[in-house]
Amino acid sequence: MFELGWIEIALIGVIALVVLGPERLPKAARFVGLWVRKARAQWFAVKAELEREIAADGLKDTLEAETRVLREAAADLRGDLDAFDAPDTPATSDAGQRRPVPGAAEAGPAVEPPPPERPAP
């Protein structure tokens, strides 16, 4: 914003010393320092509030996008479920016949569990 070098700061100090005098200059410097601190504190408070608002807007946008994705997925699932439940679809026309489970062919044949052991008499 304002670029003040050492020469400009020294020139302002000399002018303040000439205008205010050596008695009132320390008091004026404390007063200016107090107002500068207050101004900086207000600036940082406004900046922090603005960053919180921006973060909240970003979270809100993310939440809306994820909600939209979930609603689309739910609609797709409902459509698939409706297609599965419909009586005229080929998926249910062969009722009573067993269908292979995907991935079951890779697992190999089913193994029967051993019969339970009988206690000795």
PDB file of N, CA and C in Angstrom:
ATOM      1  N   MET A   1       0.846  -1.166   0.000  1.00  0.00           N
ATOM      2  CA  MET A   1       0.000   0.000   0.000  1.00  0.00           C
ATOM      3  C   MET A   1       0.898   1.238   0.000  1.00  0.00           C
ATOM      4  N   PHE A   2       1.289   1.712   1.187  1.00  0.00           N
ATOM      5  CA  PHE A   2       2.192   2.853   1.287  1.00  0.00           C
ATOM      6  C   PHE A   2       3.596   2.318   1.480  1.00  0.00           C
ATOM      7  N   GLU A   3       4.492   2.767   0.651  1.00  0.00           N
ATOM      8  CA  GLU A   3       5.889   2.364   0.769  1.00  0.00           C
ATOM      9  C   GLU A   3       6.658   3.514   1.399  1.00  0.00           C
ATOM     10  N   LEU A   4       6.956   3.384   2.677  1.00  0.00           N
ATOM     11  CA  LEU A   4       7.728   4.406   3.387  1.00  0.00           C
ATOM     12  C   LEU A   4       9.125   3.861   3.644  1.00  0.00           C
ATOM     13  N   GLY A   5      10.108   4.560   3.131  1.00  0.00           N
ATOM     14  CA  GLY A   5      11.494   4.193   3.389  1.00  0.00           C
ATOM     15  C   GLY A   5      12.005   4.930   4.619  1.00  0.00           C
ATOM     16  N   TRP A   6      13.254   4.663   4.956  1.00  0.00           N
ATOM     17  CA  TRP A   6      13.847   5.304   6.136  1.00  0.00           C
ATOM     18  C   TRP A   6      13.954   6.817   5.959  1.00  0.00           C
ATOM     19  N   ILE A   7      14.167   7.258   4.760  1.00  0.00           N
ATOM     20  CA  ILE A   7      14.305   8.705   4.522  1.00  0.00           C
ATOM     21  C   ILE A   7      12.969   9.405   4.777  1.00  0.00           C
ATOM     22  N   GLU A   8      11.864   8.809   4.287  1.00  0.00           N
ATOM     23  CA  GLU A   8      10.554   9.416   4.504  1.00  0.00           C
ATOM     24  C   GLU A   8      10.179   9.430   5.981  1.00  0.00           C
ATOM     25  N   ILE A   9      10.474   8.352   6.697  1.00  0.00           N
ATOM     26  CA  ILE A   9      10.161   8.287   8.128  1.00  0.00           C
ATOM     27  C   ILE A   9      10.981   9.328   8.900  1.00  0.00           C
ATOM     28  N   ALA A  10      12.262   9.468   8.561  1.00  0.00           N
ATOM     29  CA  ALA A  10      13.108  10.471   9.226  1.00  0.00           C
ATOM     30  C   ALA A  10      12.606  11.883   8.929  1.00  0.00           C
ATOM     31  N   LEU A  11      12.168  12.137   7.712  1.00  0.00           N
ATOM     32  CA  LEU A  11      11.659  13.461   7.354  1.00  0.00           C
ATOM     33  C   LEU A  11      10.381  13.773   8.134  1.00  0.00           C
ATOM     34  N   ILE A  12       9.476  12.786   8.276  1.00  0.00           N
ATOM     35  CA  ILE A  12       8.261  12.986   9.073  1.00  0.00           C
ATOM     36  C   ILE A  12       8.627  13.251  10.534  1.00  0.00           C
ATOM     37  N   GLY A  13       9.618  12.555  11.071  1.00  0.00           N
ATOM     38  CA  GLY A  13      10.059  12.776  12.454  1.00  0.00           C
ATOM     39  C   GLY A  13      10.617  14.171  12.669  1.00  0.00           C
ATOM     40  N   VAL A  14      11.419  14.661  11.742  1.00  0.00           N
ATOM     41  CA  VAL A  14      11.993  16.012  11.863  1.00  0.00           C
ATOM     42  C   VAL A  14      10.888  17.055  11.790  1.00  0.00           C
ATOM     43  N   ILE A  15       9.936  16.871  10.871  1.00  0.00           N
ATOM     44  CA  ILE A  15       8.835  17.833  10.766  1.00  0.00           C
ATOM     45  C   ILE A  15       7.997  17.813  12.044  1.00  0.00           C
ATOM     46  N   ALA A  16       7.724  16.620  12.585  1.00  0.00           N
ATOM     47  CA  ALA A  16       6.949  16.523  13.831  1.00  0.00           C
ATOM     48  C   ALA A  16       7.702  17.180  14.975  1.00  0.00           C
ATOM     49  N   LEU A  17       9.018  17.016  15.032  1.00  0.00           N
ATOM     50  CA  LEU A  17       9.809  17.641  16.102  1.00  0.00           C
ATOM     51  C   LEU A  17       9.751  19.166  15.996  1.00  0.00           C
ATOM     52  N   VAL A  18       9.817  19.688  14.788  1.00  0.00           N
ATOM     53  CA  VAL A  18       9.772  21.139  14.608  1.00  0.00           C
ATOM     54  C   VAL A  18       8.377  21.668  14.943  1.00  0.00           C
ATOM     55  N   VAL A  19       7.313  20.969  14.506  1.00  0.00           N
ATOM     56  CA  VAL A  19       5.954  21.462  14.717  1.00  0.00           C
ATOM     57  C   VAL A  19       5.530  21.299  16.170  1.00  0.00           C
ATOM     58  N   LEU A  20       5.749  20.107  16.758  1.00  0.00           N
ATOM     59  CA  LEU A  20       5.253  19.832  18.105  1.00  0.00           C
ATOM     60  C   LEU A  20       6.226  20.248  19.210  1.00  0.00           C
ATOM     61  N   GLY A  21       7.479  20.205  18.932  1.00  0.00           N
ATOM     62  CA  GLY A  21       8.460  20.539  19.962  1.00  0.00           C
ATOM     63  C   GLY A  21       8.838  19.293  20.747  1.00  0.00           C
ATOM     64  N   PRO A  22       9.938  19.373  21.475  1.00  0.00           N
ATOM     65  CA  PRO A  22      10.437  18.201  22.196  1.00  0.00           C
ATOM     66  C   PRO A  22       9.560  17.809  23.388  1.00  0.00           C
ATOM     67  N   GLU A  23       8.732  18.717  23.920  1.00  0.00           N
ATOM     68  CA  GLU A  23       7.893  18.381  25.080  1.00  0.00           C
ATOM     69  C   GLU A  23       6.668  17.551  24.676  1.00  0.00           C
ATOM     70  N   ARG A  24       6.042  17.907  23.570  1.00  0.00           N
ATOM     71  CA  ARG A  24       4.800  17.241  23.175  1.00  0.00           C
ATOM     72  C   ARG A  24       5.021  16.075  22.199  1.00  0.00           C
ATOM     73  N   LEU A  25       6.206  15.909  21.650  1.00  0.00           N
ATOM     74  CA  LEU A  25       6.465  14.853  20.670  1.00  0.00           C
ATOM     75  C   LEU A  25       6.301  13.439  21.251  1.00  0.00           C
ATOM     76  N   PRO A  26       6.821  13.103  22.444  1.00  0.00           N
ATOM     77  CA  PRO A  26       6.621  11.740  22.973  1.00  0.00           C
ATOM     78  C   PRO A  26       5.144  11.412  23.204  1.00  0.00           C
ATOM     79  N   LYS A  27       4.395  12.385  23.720  1.00  0.00           N
ATOM     80  CA  LYS A  27       2.966  12.167  23.952  1.00  0.00           C
ATOM     81  C   LYS A  27       2.236  11.953  22.616  1.00  0.00           C
ATOM     82  N   ALA A  28       2.561  12.729  21.613  1.00  0.00           N
ATOM     83  CA  ALA A  28       1.954  12.584  20.284  1.00  0.00           C
ATOM     84  C   ALA A  28       2.343  11.242  19.655  1.00  0.00           C
ATOM     85  N   ALA A  29       3.579  10.802  19.869  1.00  0.00           N
ATOM     86  CA  ALA A  29       4.023   9.520  19.315  1.00  0.00           C
ATOM     87  C   ALA A  29       3.246   8.367  19.953  1.00  0.00           C
ATOM     88  N   ARG A  30       3.018   8.422  21.285  1.00  0.00           N
ATOM     89  CA  ARG A  30       2.214   7.392  21.953  1.00  0.00           C
ATOM     90  C   ARG A  30       0.790   7.386  21.411  1.00  0.00           C
ATOM     91  N   PHE A  31       0.225   8.583  21.214  1.00  0.00           N
ATOM     92  CA  PHE A  31      -1.133   8.696  20.692  1.00  0.00           C
ATOM     93  C   PHE A  31      -1.233   8.104  19.280  1.00  0.00           C
ATOM     94  N   VAL A  32      -0.285   8.429  18.429  1.00  0.00           N
ATOM     95  CA  VAL A  32      -0.271   7.892  17.059  1.00  0.00           C
ATOM     96  C   VAL A  32      -0.082   6.377  17.098  1.00  0.00           C
ATOM     97  N   GLY A  33       0.799   5.899  17.975  1.00  0.00           N
ATOM     98  CA  GLY A  33       1.015   4.451  18.099  1.00  0.00           C
ATOM     99  C   GLY A  33      -0.248   3.716  18.536  1.00  0.00           C
ATOM    100  N   LEU A  34      -0.976   4.328  19.484  1.00  0.00           N
ATOM    101  CA  LEU A  34      -2.231   3.731  19.942  1.00  0.00           C
ATOM    102  C   LEU A  34      -3.231   3.613  18.798  1.00  0.00           C
ATOM    103  N   TRP A  35      -3.382   4.668  18.009  1.00  0.00           N
ATOM    104  CA  TRP A  35      -4.328   4.637  16.897  1.00  0.00           C
ATOM    105  C   TRP A  35      -3.882   3.687  15.784  1.00  0.00           C
ATOM    106  N   VAL A  36      -2.601   3.586  15.576  1.00  0.00           N
ATOM    107  CA  VAL A  36      -2.102   2.639  14.574  1.00  0.00           C
ATOM    108  C   VAL A  36      -2.400   1.208  15.017  1.00  0.00           C
ATOM    109  N   ARG A  37      -2.180   0.903  16.312  1.00  0.00           N
ATOM    110  CA  ARG A  37      -2.494  -0.436  16.835  1.00  0.00           C
ATOM    111  C   ARG A  37      -3.982  -0.745  16.702  1.00  0.00           C
ATOM    112  N   LYS A  38      -4.834   0.231  17.039  1.00  0.00           N
ATOM    113  CA  LYS A  38      -6.279   0.022  16.911  1.00  0.00           C
ATOM    114  C   LYS A  38      -6.673  -0.211  15.456  1.00  0.00           C
ATOM    115  N   ALA A  39      -6.100   0.563  14.556  1.00  0.00           N
ATOM    116  CA  ALA A  39      -6.410   0.418  13.132  1.00  0.00           C
ATOM    117  C   ALA A  39      -5.963  -0.961  12.625  1.00  0.00           C
ATOM    118  N   ARG A  40      -4.779  -1.401  13.039  1.00  0.00           N
ATOM    119  CA  ARG A  40      -4.287  -2.718  12.616  1.00  0.00           C
ATOM    120  C   ARG A  40      -5.159  -3.832  13.187  1.00  0.00           C
ATOM    121  N   ALA A  41      -5.576  -3.676  14.454  1.00  0.00           N
ATOM    122  CA  ALA A  41      -6.440  -4.692  15.062  1.00  0.00           C
ATOM    123  C   ALA A  41      -7.767  -4.787  14.319  1.00  0.00           C
ATOM    124  N   GLN A  42      -8.339  -3.635  13.964  1.00  0.00           N
ATOM    125  CA  GLN A  42      -9.589  -3.640  13.199  1.00  0.00           C
ATOM    126  C   GLN A  42      -9.386  -4.273  11.824  1.00  0.00           C
ATOM    127  N   TRP A  43      -8.261  -3.947  11.184  1.00  0.00           N
ATOM    128  CA  TRP A  43      -7.971  -4.507   9.867  1.00  0.00           C
ATOM    129  C   TRP A  43      -7.865  -6.033   9.939  1.00  0.00           C
ATOM    130  N   PHE A  44      -7.152  -6.535  10.951  1.00  0.00           N
ATOM    131  CA  PHE A  44      -6.997  -7.984  11.085  1.00  0.00           C
ATOM    132  C   PHE A  44      -8.323  -8.652  11.436  1.00  0.00           C
ATOM    133  N   ALA A  45      -9.173  -7.981  12.215  1.00  0.00           N
ATOM    134  CA  ALA A  45     -10.486  -8.543  12.538  1.00  0.00           C
ATOM    135  C   ALA A  45     -11.357  -8.644  11.286  1.00  0.00           C
ATOM    136  N   VAL A  46     -11.339  -7.593  10.477  1.00  0.00           N
ATOM    137  CA  VAL A  46     -12.115  -7.611   9.229  1.00  0.00           C
ATOM    138  C   VAL A  46     -11.566  -8.675   8.283  1.00  0.00           C
ATOM    139  N   LYS A  47     -10.256  -8.771   8.205  1.00  0.00           N
ATOM    140  CA  LYS A  47      -9.617  -9.764   7.337  1.00  0.00           C
ATOM    141  C   LYS A  47      -9.972 -11.184   7.784  1.00  0.00           C
ATOM    142  N   ALA A  48      -9.934 -11.447   9.098  1.00  0.00           N
ATOM    143  CA  ALA A  48     -10.279 -12.774   9.617  1.00  0.00           C
ATOM    144  C   ALA A  48     -11.742 -13.097   9.354  1.00  0.00           C
ATOM    145  N   GLU A  49     -12.621 -12.129   9.537  1.00  0.00           N
ATOM    146  CA  GLU A  49     -14.050 -12.341   9.277  1.00  0.00           C
ATOM    147  C   GLU A  49     -14.286 -12.649   7.797  1.00  0.00           C
ATOM    148  N   LEU A  50     -13.611 -11.920   6.932  1.00  0.00           N
ATOM    149  CA  LEU A  50     -13.740 -12.148   5.498  1.00  0.00           C
ATOM    150  C   LEU A  50     -13.235 -13.543   5.125  1.00  0.00           C
ATOM    151  N   GLU A  51     -12.125 -13.967   5.705  1.00  0.00           N
ATOM    152  CA  GLU A  51     -11.598 -15.308   5.421  1.00  0.00           C
ATOM    153  C   GLU A  51     -12.552 -16.385   5.932  1.00  0.00           C
ATOM    154  N   ARG A  52     -13.181 -16.164   7.094  1.00  0.00           N
ATOM    155  CA  ARG A  52     -14.166 -17.129   7.604  1.00  0.00           C
ATOM    156  C   ARG A  52     -15.368 -17.220   6.671  1.00  0.00           C
ATOM    157  N   GLU A  53     -15.820 -16.083   6.155  1.00  0.00           N
ATOM    158  CA  GLU A  53     -16.957 -16.081   5.233  1.00  0.00           C
ATOM    159  C   GLU A  53     -16.610 -16.812   3.939  1.00  0.00           C
ATOM    160  N   ILE A  54     -15.407 -16.574   3.444  1.00  0.00           N
ATOM    161  CA  ILE A  54     -14.980 -17.248   2.216  1.00  0.00           C
ATOM    162  C   ILE A  54     -14.890 -18.750   2.453  1.00  0.00           C
ATOM    163  N   ALA A  55     -14.343 -19.159   3.592  1.00  0.00           N
ATOM    164  CA  ALA A  55     -14.254 -20.586   3.912  1.00  0.00           C
ATOM    165  C   ALA A  55     -15.640 -21.189   4.064  1.00  0.00           C
ATOM    166  N   ALA A  56     -16.558 -20.461   4.687  1.00  0.00           N
ATOM    167  CA  ALA A  56     -17.928 -20.963   4.847  1.00  0.00           C
ATOM    168  C   ALA A  56     -18.602 -21.109   3.488  1.00  0.00           C
ATOM    169  N   ASP A  57     -18.379 -20.152   2.586  1.00  0.00           N
ATOM    170  CA  ASP A  57     -18.950 -20.260   1.243  1.00  0.00           C
ATOM    171  C   ASP A  57     -18.367 -21.466   0.509  1.00  0.00           C
ATOM    172  N   GLY A  58     -17.075 -21.689   0.670  1.00  0.00           N
ATOM    173  CA  GLY A  58     -16.444 -22.851   0.041  1.00  0.00           C
ATOM    174  C   GLY A  58     -17.005 -24.147   0.583  1.00  0.00           C
ATOM    175  N   LEU A  59     -17.192 -24.220   1.900  1.00  0.00           N
ATOM    176  CA  LEU A  59     -17.773 -25.417   2.490  1.00  0.00           C
ATOM    177  C   LEU A  59     -19.216 -25.610   2.036  1.00  0.00           C
ATOM    178  N   LYS A  60     -19.935 -24.503   1.936  1.00  0.00           N
ATOM    179  CA  LYS A  60     -21.330 -24.574   1.488  1.00  0.00           C
ATOM    180  C   LYS A  60     -21.398 -25.097   0.056  1.00  0.00           C
ATOM    181  N   ASP A  61     -20.524 -24.591  -0.816  1.00  0.00           N
ATOM    182  CA  ASP A  61     -20.498 -25.059  -2.200  1.00  0.00           C
ATOM    183  C   ASP A  61     -20.140 -26.537  -2.273  1.00  0.00           C
ATOM    184  N   THR A  62     -19.169 -26.955  -1.475  1.00  0.00           N
ATOM    185  CA  THR A  62     -18.769 -28.359  -1.448  1.00  0.00           C
ATOM    186  C   THR A  62     -19.911 -29.238  -0.956  1.00  0.00           C
ATOM    187  N   LEU A  63     -20.582 -28.794   0.088  1.00  0.00           N
ATOM    188  CA  LEU A  63     -21.709 -29.550   0.631  1.00  0.00           C
ATOM    189  C   LEU A  63     -22.834 -29.673  -0.397  1.00  0.00           C
ATOM    190  N   GLU A  64     -23.132 -28.592  -1.096  1.00  0.00           N
ATOM    191  CA  GLU A  64     -24.173 -28.638  -2.120  1.00  0.00           C
ATOM    192  C   GLU A  64     -23.795 -29.585  -3.254  1.00  0.00           C
ATOM    193  N   ALA A  65     -22.532 -29.571  -3.665  1.00  0.00           N
ATOM    194  CA  ALA A  65     -22.084 -30.456  -4.738  1.00  0.00           C
ATOM    195  C   ALA A  65     -22.177 -31.920  -4.309  1.00  0.00           C
ATOM    196  N   GLU A  66     -21.752 -32.220  -3.087  1.00  0.00           N
ATOM    197  CA  GLU A  66     -21.825 -33.596  -2.597  1.00  0.00           C
ATOM    198  C   GLU A  66     -23.273 -34.038  -2.429  1.00  0.00           C
ATOM    199  N   THR A  67     -24.148 -33.143  -1.980  1.00  0.00           N
ATOM    200  CA  THR A  67     -25.565 -33.471  -1.858  1.00  0.00           C
ATOM    201  C   THR A  67     -26.158 -33.780  -3.224  1.00  0.00           C
ATOM    202  N   ARG A  68     -25.778 -33.005  -4.217  1.00  0.00           N
ATOM    203  CA  ARG A  68     -26.254 -33.233  -5.576  1.00  0.00           C
ATOM    204  C   ARG A  68     -25.793 -34.603  -6.085  1.00  0.00           C
ATOM    205  N   VAL A  69     -24.537 -34.946  -5.836  1.00  0.00           N
ATOM    206  CA  VAL A  69     -24.007 -36.242  -6.268  1.00  0.00           C
ATOM    207  C   VAL A  69     -24.754 -37.380  -5.573  1.00  0.00           C
ATOM    208  N   LEU A  70     -24.993 -37.237  -4.268  1.00  0.00           N
ATOM    209  CA  LEU A  70     -25.713 -38.278  -3.532  1.00  0.00           C
ATOM    210  C   LEU A  70     -27.151 -38.422  -4.034  1.00  0.00           C
ATOM    211  N   ARG A  71     -27.807 -37.320  -4.335  1.00  0.00           N
ATOM    212  CA  ARG A  71     -29.181 -37.397  -4.850  1.00  0.00           C
ATOM    213  C   ARG A  71     -29.220 -38.080  -6.209  1.00  0.00           C
ATOM    214  N   GLU A  72     -28.225 -37.777  -7.065  1.00  0.00           N
ATOM    215  CA  GLU A  72     -28.164 -38.442  -8.369  1.00  0.00           C
ATOM    216  C   GLU A  72     -27.932 -39.933  -8.199  1.00  0.00           C
ATOM    217  N   ALA A  73     -27.055 -40.305  -7.279  1.00  0.00           N
ATOM    218  CA  ALA A  73     -26.789 -41.722  -7.027  1.00  0.00           C
ATOM    219  C   ALA A  73     -28.032 -42.414  -6.476  1.00  0.00           C
ATOM    220  N   ALA A  74     -28.758 -41.742  -5.603  1.00  0.00           N
ATOM    221  CA  ALA A  74     -29.987 -42.316  -5.054  1.00  0.00           C
ATOM    222  C   ALA A  74     -31.026 -42.487  -6.158  1.00  0.00           C
ATOM    223  N   ALA A  75     -31.124 -41.523  -7.056  1.00  0.00           N
ATOM    224  CA  ALA A  75     -32.073 -41.634  -8.169  1.00  0.00           C
ATOM    225  C   ALA A  75     -31.677 -42.802  -9.072  1.00  0.00           C
ATOM    226  N   ASP A  76     -30.389 -42.970  -9.344  1.00  0.00           N
ATOM    227  CA  ASP A  76     -29.937 -44.103 -10.148  1.00  0.00           C
ATOM    228  C   ASP A  76     -30.269 -45.423  -9.470  1.00  0.00           C
ATOM    229  N   LEU A  77     -30.041 -45.497  -8.170  1.00  0.00           N
ATOM    230  CA  LEU A  77     -30.347 -46.724  -7.438  1.00  0.00           C
ATOM    231  C   LEU A  77     -31.845 -47.015  -7.447  1.00  0.00           C
ATOM    232  N   ARG A  78     -32.664 -45.979  -7.296  1.00  0.00           N
ATOM    233  CA  ARG A  78     -34.114 -46.180  -7.354  1.00  0.00           C
ATOM    234  C   ARG A  78     -34.526 -46.688  -8.731  1.00  0.00           C
ATOM    235  N   GLY A  79     -33.924 -46.109  -9.769  1.00  0.00           N
ATOM    236  CA  GLY A  79     -34.222 -46.555 -11.128  1.00  0.00           C
ATOM    237  C   GLY A  79     -33.820 -48.008 -11.327  1.00  0.00           C
ATOM    238  N   ASP A  80     -32.643 -48.384 -10.837  1.00  0.00           N
ATOM    239  CA  ASP A  80     -32.208 -49.774 -10.940  1.00  0.00           C
ATOM    240  C   ASP A  80     -33.126 -50.693 -10.154  1.00  0.00           C
ATOM    241  N   LEU A  81     -33.526 -50.256  -8.969  1.00  0.00           N
ATOM    242  CA  LEU A  81     -34.412 -51.068  -8.144  1.00  0.00           C
ATOM    243  C   LEU A  81     -35.781 -51.215  -8.806  1.00  0.00           C
ATOM    244  N   ASP A  82     -36.290 -50.144  -9.387  1.00  0.00           N
ATOM    245  CA  ASP A  82     -37.567 -50.211 -10.090  1.00  0.00           C
ATOM    246  C   ASP A  82     -37.470 -51.147 -11.294  1.00  0.00           C
ATOM    247  N   ALA A  83     -36.352 -51.100 -12.014  1.00  0.00           N
ATOM    248  CA  ALA A  83     -36.159 -51.990 -13.159  1.00  0.00           C
ATOM    249  C   ALA A  83     -36.054 -53.436 -12.695  1.00  0.00           C
ATOM    250  N   PHE A  84     -35.469 -53.667 -11.560  1.00  0.00           N
ATOM    251  CA  PHE A  84     -35.333 -55.012 -11.030  1.00  0.00           C
ATOM    252  C   PHE A  84     -36.675 -55.562 -10.564  1.00  0.00           C
ATOM    253  N   ASP A  85     -37.506 -54.715  -9.994  1.00  0.00           N
ATOM    254  CA  ASP A  85     -38.803 -55.137  -9.480  1.00  0.00           C
ATOM    255  C   ASP A  85     -39.884 -55.237 -10.547  1.00  0.00           C
ATOM    256  N   ALA A  86     -39.679 -54.664 -11.710  1.00  0.00           N
ATOM    257  CA  ALA A  86     -40.696 -54.672 -12.763  1.00  0.00           C
ATOM    258  C   ALA A  86     -40.893 -56.104 -13.269  1.00  0.00           C
ATOM    259  N   PRO A  87     -42.163 -56.591 -13.429  1.00  0.00           N
ATOM    260  CA  PRO A  87     -42.399 -57.978 -13.835  1.00  0.00           C
ATOM    261  C   PRO A  87     -42.063 -58.263 -15.289  1.00  0.00           C
ATOM    262  N   ASP A  88     -42.024 -57.270 -16.156  1.00  0.00           N
ATOM    263  CA  ASP A  88     -41.801 -57.527 -17.569  1.00  0.00           C
ATOM    264  C   ASP A  88     -40.333 -57.448 -17.983  1.00  0.00           C
ATOM    265  N   THR A  89     -39.452 -57.339 -17.065  1.00  0.00           N
ATOM    266  CA  THR A  89     -38.041 -57.258 -17.409  1.00  0.00           C
ATOM    267  C   THR A  89     -37.456 -58.656 -17.524  1.00  0.00           C
ATOM    268  N   PRO A  90     -36.457 -58.860 -18.343  1.00  0.00           N
ATOM    269  CA  PRO A  90     -35.848 -60.174 -18.463  1.00  0.00           C
ATOM    270  C   PRO A  90     -35.174 -60.635 -17.172  1.00  0.00           C
ATOM    271  N   ALA A  91     -34.873 -59.731 -16.283  1.00  0.00           N
ATOM    272  CA  ALA A  91     -34.198 -60.125 -15.049  1.00  0.00           C
ATOM    273  C   ALA A  91     -35.097 -60.981 -14.179  1.00  0.00           C
ATOM    274  N   THR A  92     -36.433 -60.787 -14.263  1.00  0.00           N
ATOM    275  CA  THR A  92     -37.345 -61.567 -13.427  1.00  0.00           C
ATOM    276  C   THR A  92     -38.186 -62.529 -14.233  1.00  0.00           C
ATOM    277  N   SER A  93     -38.012 -62.561 -15.561  1.00  0.00           N
ATOM    278  CA  SER A  93     -38.827 -63.447 -16.371  1.00  0.00           C
ATOM    279  C   SER A  93     -38.454 -64.911 -16.168  1.00  0.00           C
ATOM    280  N   ASP A  94     -37.260 -65.198 -15.754  1.00  0.00           N
ATOM    281  CA  ASP A  94     -36.854 -66.576 -15.516  1.00  0.00           C
ATOM    282  C   ASP A  94     -36.890 -66.894 -14.024  1.00  0.00           C
ATOM    283  N   ALA A  95     -37.992 -66.527 -13.392  1.00  0.00           N
ATOM    284  CA  ALA A  95     -38.143 -66.777 -11.959  1.00  0.00           C
ATOM    285  C   ALA A  95     -38.088 -68.275 -11.704  1.00  0.00           C
ATOM    286  N   GLY A  96     -37.486 -68.638 -10.657  1.00  0.00           N
ATOM    287  CA  GLY A  96     -37.356 -70.043 -10.314  1.00  0.00           C
ATOM    288  C   GLY A  96     -36.026 -70.616 -10.767  1.00  0.00           C
ATOM    289  N   GLN A  97     -35.357 -69.958 -11.696  1.00  0.00           N
ATOM    290  CA  GLN A  97     -34.047 -70.424 -12.130  1.00  0.00           C
ATOM    291  C   GLN A  97     -32.984 -69.697 -11.329  1.00  0.00           C
ATOM    292  N   ARG A  98     -31.950 -70.424 -11.016  1.00  0.00           N
ATOM    293  CA  ARG A  98     -30.849 -69.806 -10.263  1.00  0.00           C
ATOM    294  C   ARG A  98     -29.919 -69.104 -11.232  1.00  0.00           C
ATOM    295  N   ARG A  99     -29.460 -67.973 -10.800  1.00  0.00           N
ATOM    296  CA  ARG A  99     -28.493 -67.224 -11.584  1.00  0.00           C
ATOM    297  C   ARG A  99     -27.143 -67.318 -10.912  1.00  0.00           C
ATOM    298  N   PRO A 100     -26.094 -67.348 -11.700  1.00  0.00           N
ATOM    299  CA  PRO A 100     -24.764 -67.377 -11.069  1.00  0.00           C
ATOM    300  C   PRO A 100     -24.469 -66.042 -10.402  1.00  0.00           C
ATOM    301  N   VAL A 101     -23.820 -66.122  -9.285  1.00  0.00           N
ATOM    302  CA  VAL A 101     -23.428 -64.921  -8.557  1.00  0.00           C
ATOM    303  C   VAL A 101     -22.132 -64.417  -9.167  1.00  0.00           C
ATOM    304  N   PRO A 102     -22.060 -63.120  -9.491  1.00  0.00           N
ATOM    305  CA  PRO A 102     -20.813 -62.610 -10.062  1.00  0.00           C
ATOM    306  C   PRO A 102     -19.652 -62.857  -9.113  1.00  0.00           C
ATOM    307  N   GLY A 103     -18.570 -63.354  -9.670  1.00  0.00           N
ATOM    308  CA  GLY A 103     -17.379 -63.620  -8.862  1.00  0.00           C
ATOM    309  C   GLY A 103     -17.371 -64.999  -8.256  1.00  0.00           C
ATOM    310  N   ALA A 104     -18.494 -65.749  -8.344  1.00  0.00           N
ATOM    311  CA  ALA A 104     -18.550 -67.074  -7.743  1.00  0.00           C
ATOM    312  C   ALA A 104     -17.757 -68.072  -8.567  1.00  0.00           C
ATOM    313  N   ALA A 105     -17.656 -67.850  -9.879  1.00  0.00           N
ATOM    314  CA  ALA A 105     -16.918 -68.779 -10.729  1.00  0.00           C
ATOM    315  C   ALA A 105     -15.440 -68.764 -10.382  1.00  0.00           C
ATOM    316  N   GLU A 106     -14.917 -67.607 -10.009  1.00  0.00           N
ATOM    317  CA  GLU A 106     -13.505 -67.529  -9.664  1.00  0.00           C
ATOM    318  C   GLU A 106     -13.221 -68.175  -8.315  1.00  0.00           C
ATOM    319  N   ALA A 107     -14.213 -68.281  -7.469  1.00  0.00           N
ATOM    320  CA  ALA A 107     -13.991 -68.801  -6.124  1.00  0.00           C
ATOM    321  C   ALA A 107     -13.801 -70.305  -6.119  1.00  0.00           C
ATOM    322  N   GLY A 108     -14.252 -71.011  -7.128  1.00  0.00           N
ATOM    323  CA  GLY A 108     -14.103 -72.457  -7.172  1.00  0.00           C
ATOM    324  C   GLY A 108     -15.373 -73.123  -6.692  1.00  0.00           C
ATOM    325  N   PRO A 109     -15.368 -74.460  -6.647  1.00  0.00           N
ATOM    326  CA  PRO A 109     -16.581 -75.165  -6.228  1.00  0.00           C
ATOM    327  C   PRO A 109     -16.862 -74.954  -4.753  1.00  0.00           C
ATOM    328  N   ALA A 110     -18.132 -75.055  -4.424  1.00  0.00           N
ATOM    329  CA  ALA A 110     -18.530 -74.905  -3.028  1.00  0.00           C
ATOM    330  C   ALA A 110     -18.063 -76.116  -2.234  1.00  0.00           C
ATOM    331  N   VAL A 111     -17.609 -75.918  -1.040  1.00  0.00           N
ATOM    332  CA  VAL A 111     -17.122 -76.994  -0.185  1.00  0.00           C
ATOM    333  C   VAL A 111     -18.160 -77.221   0.898  1.00  0.00           C
ATOM    334  N   GLU A 112     -18.552 -78.468   1.065  1.00  0.00           N
ATOM    335  CA  GLU A 112     -19.520 -78.816   2.097  1.00  0.00           C
ATOM    336  C   GLU A 112     -18.816 -78.820   3.448  1.00  0.00           C
ATOM    337  N   PRO A 113     -19.462 -78.331   4.493  1.00  0.00           N
ATOM    338  CA  PRO A 113     -18.839 -78.390   5.811  1.00  0.00           C
ATOM    339  C   PRO A 113     -18.842 -79.842   6.309  1.00  0.00           C
ATOM    340  N   PRO A 114     -17.861 -80.218   7.109  1.00  0.00           N
ATOM    341  CA  PRO A 114     -17.815 -81.599   7.597  1.00  0.00           C
ATOM    342  C   PRO A 114     -18.990 -81.854   8.545  1.00  0.00           C
ATOM    343  N   PRO A 115     -19.455 -83.100   8.602  1.00  0.00           N
ATOM    344  CA  PRO A 115     -20.572 -83.385   9.513  1.00  0.00           C
ATOM    345  C   PRO A 115     -20.140 -83.207  10.948  1.00  0.00           C
ATOM    346  N   PRO A 116     -21.063 -82.868  11.820  1.00  0.00           N
ATOM    347  CA  PRO A 116     -20.699 -82.675  13.218  1.00  0.00           C
ATOM    348  C   PRO A 116     -20.255 -83.996  13.847  1.00  0.00           C
ATOM    349  N   GLU A 117     -19.320 -83.926  14.724  1.00  0.00           N
ATOM    350  CA  GLU A 117     -18.808 -85.123  15.372  1.00  0.00           C
ATOM    351  C   GLU A 117     -19.788 -85.542  16.452  1.00  0.00           C
ATOM    352  N   ARG A 118     -19.915 -86.871  16.578  1.00  0.00           N
ATOM    353  CA  ARG A 118     -20.817 -87.418  17.600  1.00  0.00           C
ATOM    354  C   ARG A 118     -20.003 -87.728  18.835  1.00  0.00           C
ATOM    355  N   PRO A 119     -20.574 -87.464  19.998  1.00  0.00           N
ATOM    356  CA  PRO A 119     -19.816 -87.773  21.208  1.00  0.00           C
ATOM    357  C   PRO A 119     -19.672 -89.299  21.381  1.00  0.00           C
ATOM    358  N   ALA A 120     -18.577 -89.684  21.942  1.00  0.00           N
ATOM    359  CA  ALA A 120     -18.325 -91.123  22.159  1.00  0.00           C
ATOM    360  C   ALA A 120     -19.238 -91.620  23.263  1.00  0.00           C
ATOM    361  N   PRO A 121     -19.792 -92.855  23.079  1.00  0.00           N
ATOM    362  CA  PRO A 121     -20.691 -93.387  24.126  1.00  0.00           C
ATOM    363  C   PRO A 121     -19.977 -93.887  25.350  1.00  0.00           C
TER     364      PRO A 121
END
